[in-house]
Amino acid sequence: MTHRGRHRRRRRGRALRATLTGAALALTAAATMISASQAKVTDGPGGLKPLTASADTGRLGLTEHRVPKGWLGRLADSMGSPVGVGAVLDSADRTLRSSADCSDAERESLPIAPAATRAYCWDAADTDGWSPGAVTTSADADDDGRWGADEVVLSAWSREDAATGGRVARVSFVDAAEDGGRLRYASALLVLPVDGGRDYRPLASPVSGMVWYQDKLLVTAGTGDGNALYVYDLHRIQRTTSADATVGRVPGGWSAHGHRYVLPAVASYEADGLPGAGRPAVLSLDRSTSPDSLVAGESVPVDDDRPTRLWRYALSTDPGRTGLPAVDSAGRAEVREAYETRARGVRGVLAHRAAGEDRSEWYLGGALGTTDDGRGTLWRTDTKGSRATECGADRSHRCWSGRAGSLSYAPGTGEVWSQAGHTLFAVPLKSVTGALG
């Protein structure tokens, strides 16, 4: 894997280890108070139920489909040589505001307990009309926490768009080295090659799950695109030549809904079309397994009676398959382990095995009872039981943000990154443990 080796001129630092002052992250009284009418959640999801029958685990497998190299080559020949993450960061011209510059309404989307130690708010003009999705970081990409010399956060967004007649999705590349408490970013549209690589179309799906592993970006695909996962190669970012609002080939060049960059998919993983087939809605990376594994889960509606399934795939150790799930001779990624949980409304999943422990603990964000006040629940669960973070005099479990999405863990700094509304934030994993009831 070729990383970006040179250091940038502006002031660097171990930004992912930085901790903002308590004053900078102080919420307004309205944001921190828990209403007396807010009921305590007492009916937890209980422990995880292992799924071992082949009839259950077999439904969760995915079949790999690679985009032909000829398609990708034809696209690159037409658009010019691909660029990497470094080129996108060098062109970053949008700014995330520090917590001190966020509005009260934006800070209200942050969790109450555990409290965020880093928080930033997106450029309102740039994100107007866009819905936030999943988050992943360079700590997922490489175990040193960096991509070359850079520390990076990737954030997914999507929107309905009249110009394309459907939905479009993009990923924002955030330079996580603070510059006066602000972070800079630029975005690339997610696209799928079509017509033999002579054109591309937008990924017509929200991105509720996303993992950056080695040189690949794996994203969930739901409504609008039938495959369960799409894969993007971060060495294959292409520049556009037109600021046109359409997506694809245009007279004299290429456009991407006004974006300067596109990421064309290089592979997809398709779920079986049978009833009960697994379709990941949330994703994360677990480096505490051997080999590293891709953690996946469903997002069953809160008012649905069926259980939520959680599972994992092994990631390949083959040097010729960097960043991809391991597959068998038939090109099928089978699950390594799977569980059921009574938690519903899951919007983020994380699995991690602490040093010296014999089993993984699973963290489920947004589960059991997202309410009208915008609060959700963060559970830690395993096969023996579950516990939730607590806050307030009534020890309520509604301490997490109900709008928070995916969970991404950075082992080097001990931080868990997530996104709620238009606010990007990080909390220490040890603070999650400290807030558990």
Protein backbone atom coordinates (compact mmCIF):
# COMPACT_ATOMS: atom_id res chain seq x y z
CA MET A 1 0.00 0.00 0.00
CA THR A 2 1.46 3.40 -1.02
CA HIS A 3 0.90 6.04 1.62
CA ARG A 4 1.36 9.77 1.28
CA GLY A 5 4.79 10.19 2.84
CA ARG A 6 5.53 13.92 2.85
CA HIS A 7 4.46 16.20 5.69
CA ARG A 8 2.26 19.17 4.99
CA ARG A 9 3.53 22.70 5.71
CA ARG A 10 0.81 23.82 8.05
CA ARG A 11 0.99 23.02 11.74
CA ARG A 12 0.45 19.35 12.43
CA GLY A 13 0.11 17.40 15.64
CA ARG A 14 -1.47 14.31 16.95
CA ALA A 15 -4.87 15.83 16.32
CA LEU A 16 -6.82 12.66 17.02
CA ARG A 17 -5.33 12.75 20.53
CA ALA A 18 -6.23 16.37 21.16
CA THR A 19 -8.77 17.09 23.86
CA LEU A 20 -10.83 20.26 23.84
CA THR A 21 -11.36 22.09 27.08
CA GLY A 22 -14.51 21.53 29.08
CA ALA A 23 -15.49 25.12 28.51
CA ALA A 24 -15.34 24.74 24.77
CA LEU A 25 -17.64 21.75 24.90
CA ALA A 26 -19.98 23.06 27.58
CA LEU A 27 -23.58 22.60 26.53
CA THR A 28 -26.29 25.07 27.32
CA ALA A 29 -28.46 24.36 30.36
CA ALA A 30 -31.30 23.42 28.06
CA ALA A 31 -29.12 20.89 26.32
CA THR A 32 -27.74 19.25 29.46
CA MET A 33 -30.86 19.03 31.58
CA ILE A 34 -32.83 15.81 31.42
CA SER A 35 -36.53 16.42 31.70
CA ALA A 36 -38.27 14.96 34.72
CA SER A 37 -40.80 13.52 32.34
CA GLN A 38 -38.10 11.55 30.53
CA ALA A 39 -38.69 7.93 31.52
CA LYS A 40 -35.87 5.61 32.42
CA VAL A 41 -35.41 2.67 30.08
CA THR A 42 -35.49 -0.45 32.22
CA ASP A 43 -36.26 -3.09 29.61
CA GLY A 44 -32.81 -3.70 28.15
CA PRO A 45 -32.10 -5.93 25.17
CA GLY A 46 -30.52 -8.65 27.31
CA GLY A 47 -27.57 -10.73 26.16
CA LEU A 48 -26.63 -11.67 22.63
CA LYS A 49 -28.03 -14.95 21.30
CA PRO A 50 -25.44 -16.79 19.15
CA LEU A 51 -26.63 -17.97 15.72
CA THR A 52 -24.89 -21.23 14.84
CA ALA A 53 -27.25 -23.10 12.51
CA SER A 54 -26.13 -22.97 8.88
CA ALA A 55 -29.68 -22.02 7.88
CA ASP A 56 -29.22 -18.81 9.91
CA THR A 57 -25.62 -17.93 9.14
CA GLY A 58 -25.89 -18.87 5.46
CA ARG A 59 -28.43 -16.09 4.89
CA LEU A 60 -25.82 -13.51 5.90
CA GLY A 61 -23.23 -14.36 3.26
CA LEU A 62 -22.44 -11.98 0.40
CA THR A 63 -21.30 -12.71 -3.16
CA GLU A 64 -18.43 -10.67 -4.59
CA HIS A 65 -18.65 -8.91 -7.97
CA ARG A 66 -15.54 -7.09 -9.22
CA VAL A 67 -15.79 -4.20 -11.67
CA PRO A 68 -13.73 -5.27 -14.72
CA LYS A 69 -10.28 -3.67 -14.77
CA GLY A 70 -10.92 -2.69 -18.36
CA TRP A 71 -13.84 -0.52 -17.26
CA LEU A 72 -11.73 1.27 -14.67
CA GLY A 73 -8.87 1.67 -17.14
CA ARG A 74 -11.15 3.16 -19.78
CA LEU A 75 -12.54 5.62 -17.24
CA ALA A 76 -9.04 6.67 -16.16
CA ASP A 77 -7.92 7.04 -19.80
CA SER A 78 -10.84 9.41 -20.40
CA MET A 79 -10.69 11.37 -17.13
CA GLY A 80 -6.94 11.46 -16.55
CA SER A 81 -4.68 9.72 -14.06
CA PRO A 82 -6.34 9.01 -10.71
CA VAL A 83 -5.25 10.92 -7.61
CA GLY A 84 -5.07 9.92 -3.96
CA VAL A 85 -6.34 11.14 -0.61
CA GLY A 86 -3.47 13.62 -0.30
CA ALA A 87 -4.55 15.53 -3.40
CA VAL A 88 -8.08 15.88 -2.03
CA LEU A 89 -6.80 17.14 1.32
CA ASP A 90 -4.47 19.62 -0.36
CA SER A 91 -7.47 21.15 -2.13
CA ALA A 92 -9.67 21.26 1.00
CA ASP A 93 -11.44 24.62 1.04
CA ARG A 94 -14.39 24.00 3.36
CA THR A 95 -14.17 24.39 7.13
CA LEU A 96 -15.66 22.62 10.13
CA ARG A 97 -16.30 25.01 13.01
CA SER A 98 -15.00 24.29 16.52
CA SER A 99 -17.51 23.52 19.26
CA ALA A 100 -17.23 27.05 20.60
CA ASP A 101 -18.55 28.33 17.27
CA CYS A 102 -21.43 25.85 17.03
CA SER A 103 -24.96 27.01 17.73
CA ASP A 104 -26.90 25.88 20.81
CA ALA A 105 -29.13 23.78 18.55
CA GLU A 106 -26.10 22.06 17.02
CA ARG A 107 -24.60 21.31 20.45
CA GLU A 108 -27.89 19.85 21.62
CA SER A 109 -27.34 16.97 19.21
CA LEU A 110 -24.28 15.84 21.20
CA PRO A 111 -24.61 12.99 23.71
CA ILE A 112 -25.09 13.85 27.39
CA ALA A 113 -23.11 10.90 28.72
CA PRO A 114 -20.45 10.13 27.88
CA ALA A 115 -19.64 13.73 26.98
CA ALA A 116 -17.81 14.48 23.76
CA THR A 117 -14.21 15.60 24.17
CA ARG A 118 -13.99 16.77 20.57
CA ALA A 119 -16.83 18.30 18.56
CA TYR A 120 -17.09 20.20 15.29
CA CYS A 121 -19.95 21.57 13.21
CA TRP A 122 -20.16 21.36 9.44
CA ASP A 123 -20.25 24.23 6.98
CA ALA A 124 -23.98 24.97 6.91
CA ALA A 125 -23.99 26.28 3.34
CA ASP A 126 -22.14 23.22 2.06
CA THR A 127 -24.36 20.68 3.86
CA ASP A 128 -27.72 22.38 3.35
CA GLY A 129 -30.13 19.76 1.97
CA TRP A 130 -27.72 16.88 2.68
CA SER A 131 -28.41 14.13 5.24
CA PRO A 132 -25.44 12.93 7.32
CA GLY A 133 -24.41 9.28 7.23
CA ALA A 134 -21.58 7.09 8.45
CA VAL A 135 -18.11 8.01 9.73
CA THR A 136 -14.75 6.24 9.50
CA THR A 137 -11.16 7.43 10.09
CA SER A 138 -7.55 6.77 9.10
CA ALA A 139 -7.32 4.72 12.32
CA ASP A 140 -9.46 2.17 10.49
CA ALA A 141 -7.26 2.43 7.40
CA ASP A 142 -3.94 1.81 9.11
CA ASP A 143 -3.04 0.69 12.63
CA ASP A 144 -0.74 3.71 13.12
CA GLY A 145 -3.80 5.96 12.87
CA ARG A 146 -2.55 7.83 9.81
CA TRP A 147 -2.80 7.71 6.05
CA GLY A 148 0.79 8.56 5.19
CA ALA A 149 1.47 11.77 7.10
CA ASP A 150 -2.18 12.66 7.49
CA GLU A 151 -4.85 11.99 10.08
CA VAL A 152 -8.19 11.87 8.30
CA VAL A 153 -11.88 11.54 9.09
CA LEU A 154 -14.28 10.47 6.33
CA SER A 155 -17.93 11.47 6.61
CA ALA A 156 -20.73 10.27 4.31
CA TRP A 157 -23.68 12.38 3.14
CA SER A 158 -26.62 11.89 0.77
CA ARG A 159 -29.52 13.86 -0.67
CA GLU A 160 -32.44 13.65 -3.03
CA ASP A 161 -31.56 15.55 -6.16
CA ALA A 162 -33.83 16.87 -8.89
CA ALA A 163 -31.00 17.25 -11.42
CA THR A 164 -30.23 13.52 -11.38
CA GLY A 165 -33.80 12.39 -10.70
CA GLY A 166 -32.79 10.39 -7.63
CA ARG A 167 -30.39 10.28 -4.70
CA VAL A 168 -26.69 11.11 -4.70
CA ALA A 169 -24.07 10.28 -2.05
CA ARG A 170 -20.69 11.77 -1.27
CA VAL A 171 -17.81 11.38 1.16
CA SER A 172 -16.13 14.37 2.81
CA PHE A 173 -12.38 14.03 3.45
CA VAL A 174 -11.53 15.91 6.65
CA ASP A 175 -7.95 16.91 7.46
CA ALA A 176 -8.01 16.12 11.18
CA ALA A 177 -4.97 18.26 12.02
CA GLU A 178 -6.43 21.21 13.86
CA ASP A 179 -5.69 24.71 12.63
CA GLY A 180 -6.90 27.12 15.30
CA GLY A 181 -9.57 24.63 16.39
CA ARG A 182 -10.95 24.26 12.87
CA LEU A 183 -10.74 21.37 10.43
CA ARG A 184 -10.64 21.69 6.64
CA TYR A 185 -12.31 19.30 4.20
CA ALA A 186 -13.24 18.56 0.58
CA SER A 187 -15.75 16.08 -0.84
CA ALA A 188 -15.94 13.43 -3.57
CA LEU A 189 -19.11 12.00 -5.10
CA LEU A 190 -19.59 8.21 -4.93
CA VAL A 191 -20.33 6.78 -8.37
CA LEU A 192 -20.70 3.46 -10.18
CA PRO A 193 -19.02 2.85 -13.59
CA VAL A 194 -21.49 2.00 -16.37
CA ASP A 195 -21.40 1.33 -20.12
CA GLY A 196 -18.07 -0.48 -19.95
CA GLY A 197 -16.40 2.42 -18.15
CA ARG A 198 -17.47 5.00 -20.70
CA ASP A 199 -19.65 6.75 -18.12
CA TYR A 200 -20.71 6.63 -14.47
CA ARG A 201 -23.84 7.22 -12.44
CA PRO A 202 -24.34 8.24 -8.79
CA LEU A 203 -24.64 5.77 -5.95
CA ALA A 204 -28.38 6.12 -5.36
CA SER A 205 -28.40 5.25 -1.67
CA PRO A 206 -27.80 6.71 1.77
CA VAL A 207 -24.56 5.51 3.40
CA SER A 208 -25.47 4.39 6.90
CA GLY A 209 -22.35 2.22 7.30
CA MET A 210 -18.79 2.83 6.14
CA VAL A 211 -15.32 1.39 6.88
CA TRP A 212 -11.98 2.56 5.48
CA TYR A 213 -9.67 -0.46 5.59
CA GLN A 214 -6.22 -0.33 4.02
CA ASP A 215 -6.74 1.26 0.59
CA LYS A 216 -10.44 0.42 0.29
CA LEU A 217 -13.62 2.17 1.41
CA LEU A 218 -16.57 -0.17 2.02
CA VAL A 219 -20.02 1.41 2.19
CA THR A 220 -23.55 0.12 2.70
CA ALA A 221 -26.06 0.41 -0.12
CA GLY A 222 -29.77 0.30 0.64
CA THR A 223 -32.67 1.85 -1.22
CA GLY A 224 -31.93 2.66 -4.84
CA ASP A 225 -29.07 0.20 -5.29
CA GLY A 226 -29.70 -3.49 -4.68
CA ASN A 227 -26.22 -4.66 -3.70
CA ALA A 228 -25.45 -4.83 0.01
CA LEU A 229 -21.97 -3.27 -0.06
CA TYR A 230 -19.93 -1.25 -2.54
CA VAL A 231 -16.15 -0.92 -2.46
CA TYR A 232 -14.09 2.11 -3.51
CA ASP A 233 -10.33 2.25 -4.08
CA LEU A 234 -8.83 5.37 -2.51
CA HIS A 235 -5.97 5.30 -5.02
CA ARG A 236 -8.57 5.75 -7.80
CA ILE A 237 -10.07 9.15 -7.02
CA GLN A 238 -10.79 10.94 -10.30
CA ARG A 239 -10.92 14.67 -10.98
CA THR A 240 -13.92 16.15 -12.75
CA THR A 241 -13.76 18.89 -15.37
CA SER A 242 -17.19 20.48 -15.11
CA ALA A 243 -19.18 22.07 -12.28
CA ASP A 244 -22.42 21.00 -13.96
CA ALA A 245 -25.17 19.76 -11.59
CA THR A 246 -25.57 16.50 -13.52
CA VAL A 247 -23.53 13.34 -12.88
CA GLY A 248 -21.45 11.62 -15.57
CA ARG A 249 -20.11 12.45 -19.00
CA VAL A 250 -21.05 15.90 -20.30
CA PRO A 251 -20.03 17.70 -23.50
CA GLY A 252 -16.33 18.32 -23.21
CA GLY A 253 -15.73 16.52 -19.95
CA TRP A 254 -17.09 15.01 -16.74
CA SER A 255 -19.33 16.32 -13.97
CA ALA A 256 -20.28 15.16 -10.50
CA HIS A 257 -23.10 17.28 -9.10
CA GLY A 258 -20.70 20.22 -8.79
CA HIS A 259 -17.97 18.24 -6.99
CA ARG A 260 -14.33 18.33 -8.08
CA TYR A 261 -13.79 14.62 -7.43
CA VAL A 262 -15.53 11.30 -7.96
CA LEU A 263 -14.86 7.87 -6.48
CA PRO A 264 -15.82 5.06 -8.89
CA ALA A 265 -16.72 1.72 -7.31
CA VAL A 266 -14.33 -1.17 -7.93
CA ALA A 267 -16.41 -4.01 -6.47
CA SER A 268 -19.72 -4.87 -4.84
CA TYR A 269 -21.01 -7.56 -2.49
CA GLU A 270 -24.53 -8.75 -3.10
CA ALA A 271 -26.94 -10.31 -0.62
CA ASP A 272 -29.08 -13.27 -1.65
CA GLY A 273 -32.48 -12.32 -2.95
CA LEU A 274 -34.16 -14.80 -0.60
CA PRO A 275 -36.34 -13.91 2.39
CA GLY A 276 -34.24 -13.29 5.49
CA ALA A 277 -31.06 -12.50 3.57
CA GLY A 278 -28.67 -10.27 5.47
CA ARG A 279 -28.25 -6.73 4.23
CA PRO A 280 -25.81 -4.69 6.35
CA ALA A 281 -27.08 -1.30 7.45
CA VAL A 282 -24.29 -0.50 9.93
CA LEU A 283 -20.57 -1.30 9.72
CA SER A 284 -17.37 -0.95 11.72
CA LEU A 285 -13.87 -2.41 11.85
CA ASP A 286 -12.60 -4.69 14.63
CA ARG A 287 -8.80 -4.92 14.87
CA SER A 288 -8.98 -7.01 18.05
CA THR A 289 -9.71 -10.20 16.05
CA SER A 290 -7.28 -12.26 14.01
CA PRO A 291 -7.53 -11.56 11.15
CA ASP A 292 -9.14 -8.12 11.34
CA SER A 293 -12.88 -8.31 10.78
CA LEU A 294 -15.71 -6.29 9.29
CA VAL A 295 -18.53 -5.92 11.81
CA ALA A 296 -22.04 -5.59 10.37
CA GLY A 297 -25.59 -5.33 11.59
CA GLU A 298 -29.17 -4.61 10.62
CA SER A 299 -31.19 -1.59 11.67
CA VAL A 300 -34.60 -3.01 12.60
CA PRO A 301 -37.26 -0.33 13.23
CA VAL A 302 -38.08 0.32 16.88
CA ASP A 303 -41.72 -0.73 16.39
CA ASP A 304 -40.80 -4.02 14.68
CA ASP A 305 -41.07 -7.25 16.69
CA ARG A 306 -38.26 -9.16 15.01
CA PRO A 307 -34.75 -9.29 16.52
CA THR A 308 -31.75 -7.47 15.12
CA ARG A 309 -28.93 -9.57 13.67
CA LEU A 310 -25.25 -8.70 14.20
CA TRP A 311 -22.39 -10.51 12.47
CA ARG A 312 -18.85 -10.24 11.16
CA TYR A 313 -16.81 -11.14 8.08
CA ALA A 314 -13.07 -11.89 8.08
CA LEU A 315 -10.99 -9.42 6.09
CA SER A 316 -8.53 -10.86 3.59
CA THR A 317 -4.83 -11.29 4.39
CA ASP A 318 -4.00 -11.91 0.71
CA PRO A 319 -1.64 -9.16 -0.54
CA GLY A 320 -3.54 -9.22 -3.83
CA ARG A 321 -6.83 -8.45 -2.07
CA THR A 322 -5.95 -5.47 0.10
CA GLY A 323 -8.89 -4.04 1.99
CA LEU A 324 -11.42 -6.65 0.83
CA PRO A 325 -13.40 -9.30 2.73
CA ALA A 326 -12.06 -12.84 2.55
CA VAL A 327 -14.00 -14.99 0.07
CA ASP A 328 -14.10 -18.70 -0.76
CA SER A 329 -13.43 -20.27 -4.16
CA ALA A 330 -16.95 -19.32 -5.26
CA GLY A 331 -16.35 -15.65 -4.44
CA ARG A 332 -18.56 -15.72 -1.37
CA ALA A 333 -17.89 -13.90 1.91
CA GLU A 334 -19.26 -16.06 4.71
CA VAL A 335 -19.85 -14.92 8.28
CA ARG A 336 -17.41 -15.79 11.06
CA GLU A 337 -19.94 -15.37 13.85
CA ALA A 338 -23.47 -14.05 14.18
CA TYR A 339 -25.89 -13.06 16.94
CA GLU A 340 -29.42 -11.87 17.58
CA THR A 341 -30.28 -9.03 19.94
CA ARG A 342 -33.57 -7.56 21.10
CA ALA A 343 -32.13 -4.08 20.57
CA ARG A 344 -33.85 -2.24 17.73
CA GLY A 345 -33.37 1.09 16.02
CA VAL A 346 -29.60 0.44 15.87
CA ARG A 347 -27.75 3.16 13.98
CA GLY A 348 -24.19 2.30 14.99
CA VAL A 349 -22.35 -0.90 15.91
CA LEU A 350 -18.90 -1.51 17.34
CA ALA A 351 -17.26 -4.74 18.49
CA HIS A 352 -14.04 -4.79 20.49
CA ARG A 353 -12.15 -7.28 22.63
CA ALA A 354 -10.03 -5.70 25.34
CA ALA A 355 -6.56 -7.12 26.00
CA GLY A 356 -6.78 -10.21 28.18
CA GLU A 357 -10.50 -10.71 27.60
CA ASP A 358 -11.87 -13.93 26.11
CA ARG A 359 -14.85 -12.41 24.31
CA SER A 360 -15.81 -9.28 22.41
CA GLU A 361 -18.12 -6.61 23.74
CA TRP A 362 -20.59 -5.09 21.31
CA TYR A 363 -21.65 -1.44 21.47
CA LEU A 364 -24.98 -0.47 19.91
CA GLY A 365 -25.80 3.20 19.40
CA GLY A 366 -29.31 4.59 19.04
CA ALA A 367 -30.88 1.35 20.27
CA LEU A 368 -34.16 0.94 22.16
CA GLY A 369 -36.14 4.07 22.31
CA THR A 370 -35.09 7.06 20.25
CA THR A 371 -37.55 9.66 21.47
CA ASP A 372 -39.11 12.95 20.45
CA ASP A 373 -36.54 14.80 22.57
CA GLY A 374 -33.81 13.63 20.23
CA ARG A 375 -32.19 11.26 22.70
CA GLY A 376 -31.23 7.64 22.13
CA THR A 377 -29.42 4.91 24.03
CA LEU A 378 -25.90 3.49 23.89
CA TRP A 379 -25.71 -0.16 24.98
CA ARG A 380 -22.78 -2.45 25.68
CA THR A 381 -23.78 -6.07 25.29
CA ASP A 382 -22.31 -9.57 25.07
CA THR A 383 -23.61 -13.11 25.51
CA LYS A 384 -24.00 -12.60 29.26
CA GLY A 385 -26.14 -9.47 29.30
CA SER A 386 -26.27 -5.75 28.50
CA ARG A 387 -25.78 -2.39 30.18
CA ALA A 388 -26.53 1.13 28.99
CA THR A 389 -24.92 4.47 29.69
CA GLU A 390 -26.79 6.47 32.35
CA CYS A 391 -27.24 10.15 33.07
CA GLY A 392 -29.25 12.51 35.27
CA ALA A 393 -30.75 12.14 38.70
CA ASP A 394 -33.19 9.52 37.44
CA ARG A 395 -30.32 7.51 35.88
CA SER A 396 -32.01 7.66 32.50
CA HIS A 397 -30.62 5.54 29.69
CA ARG A 398 -31.53 8.16 27.11
CA CYS A 399 -28.11 9.78 27.21
CA TRP A 400 -26.90 9.20 23.65
CA SER A 401 -27.90 11.26 20.67
CA GLY A 402 -30.87 9.78 18.87
CA ARG A 403 -29.51 11.26 15.64
CA ALA A 404 -26.02 9.77 15.99
CA GLY A 405 -24.95 7.36 13.28
CA SER A 406 -22.08 4.93 12.93
CA LEU A 407 -19.40 4.24 15.53
CA SER A 408 -15.72 4.17 14.53
CA TYR A 409 -13.05 3.25 17.08
CA ALA A 410 -9.46 4.57 16.96
CA PRO A 411 -7.38 2.20 19.14
CA GLY A 412 -4.34 4.48 19.21
CA THR A 413 -6.22 7.34 20.86
CA GLY A 414 -9.00 5.33 22.50
CA GLU A 415 -11.63 7.53 20.84
CA VAL A 416 -14.95 6.58 19.29
CA TRP A 417 -16.03 8.86 16.45
CA SER A 418 -19.63 9.45 15.42
CA GLN A 419 -21.85 12.04 13.80
CA ALA A 420 -25.14 13.50 15.01
CA GLY A 421 -27.06 15.82 12.75
CA HIS A 422 -24.50 18.31 11.46
CA THR A 423 -22.09 17.72 14.34
CA LEU A 424 -19.00 15.50 14.16
CA PHE A 425 -17.71 14.34 17.55
CA ALA A 426 -15.48 11.92 19.45
CA VAL A 427 -15.78 10.35 22.91
CA PRO A 428 -13.18 8.23 24.72
CA LEU A 429 -14.15 4.55 24.92
CA LYS A 430 -13.13 4.57 28.58
CA SER A 431 -15.72 7.31 29.15
CA VAL A 432 -18.37 5.01 27.69
CA THR A 433 -17.34 2.36 30.21
CA GLY A 434 -17.45 4.92 33.01
CA ALA A 435 -20.98 5.99 32.06
CA LEU A 436 -22.42 2.47 32.05
CA GLY A 437 -25.05 1.83 34.70
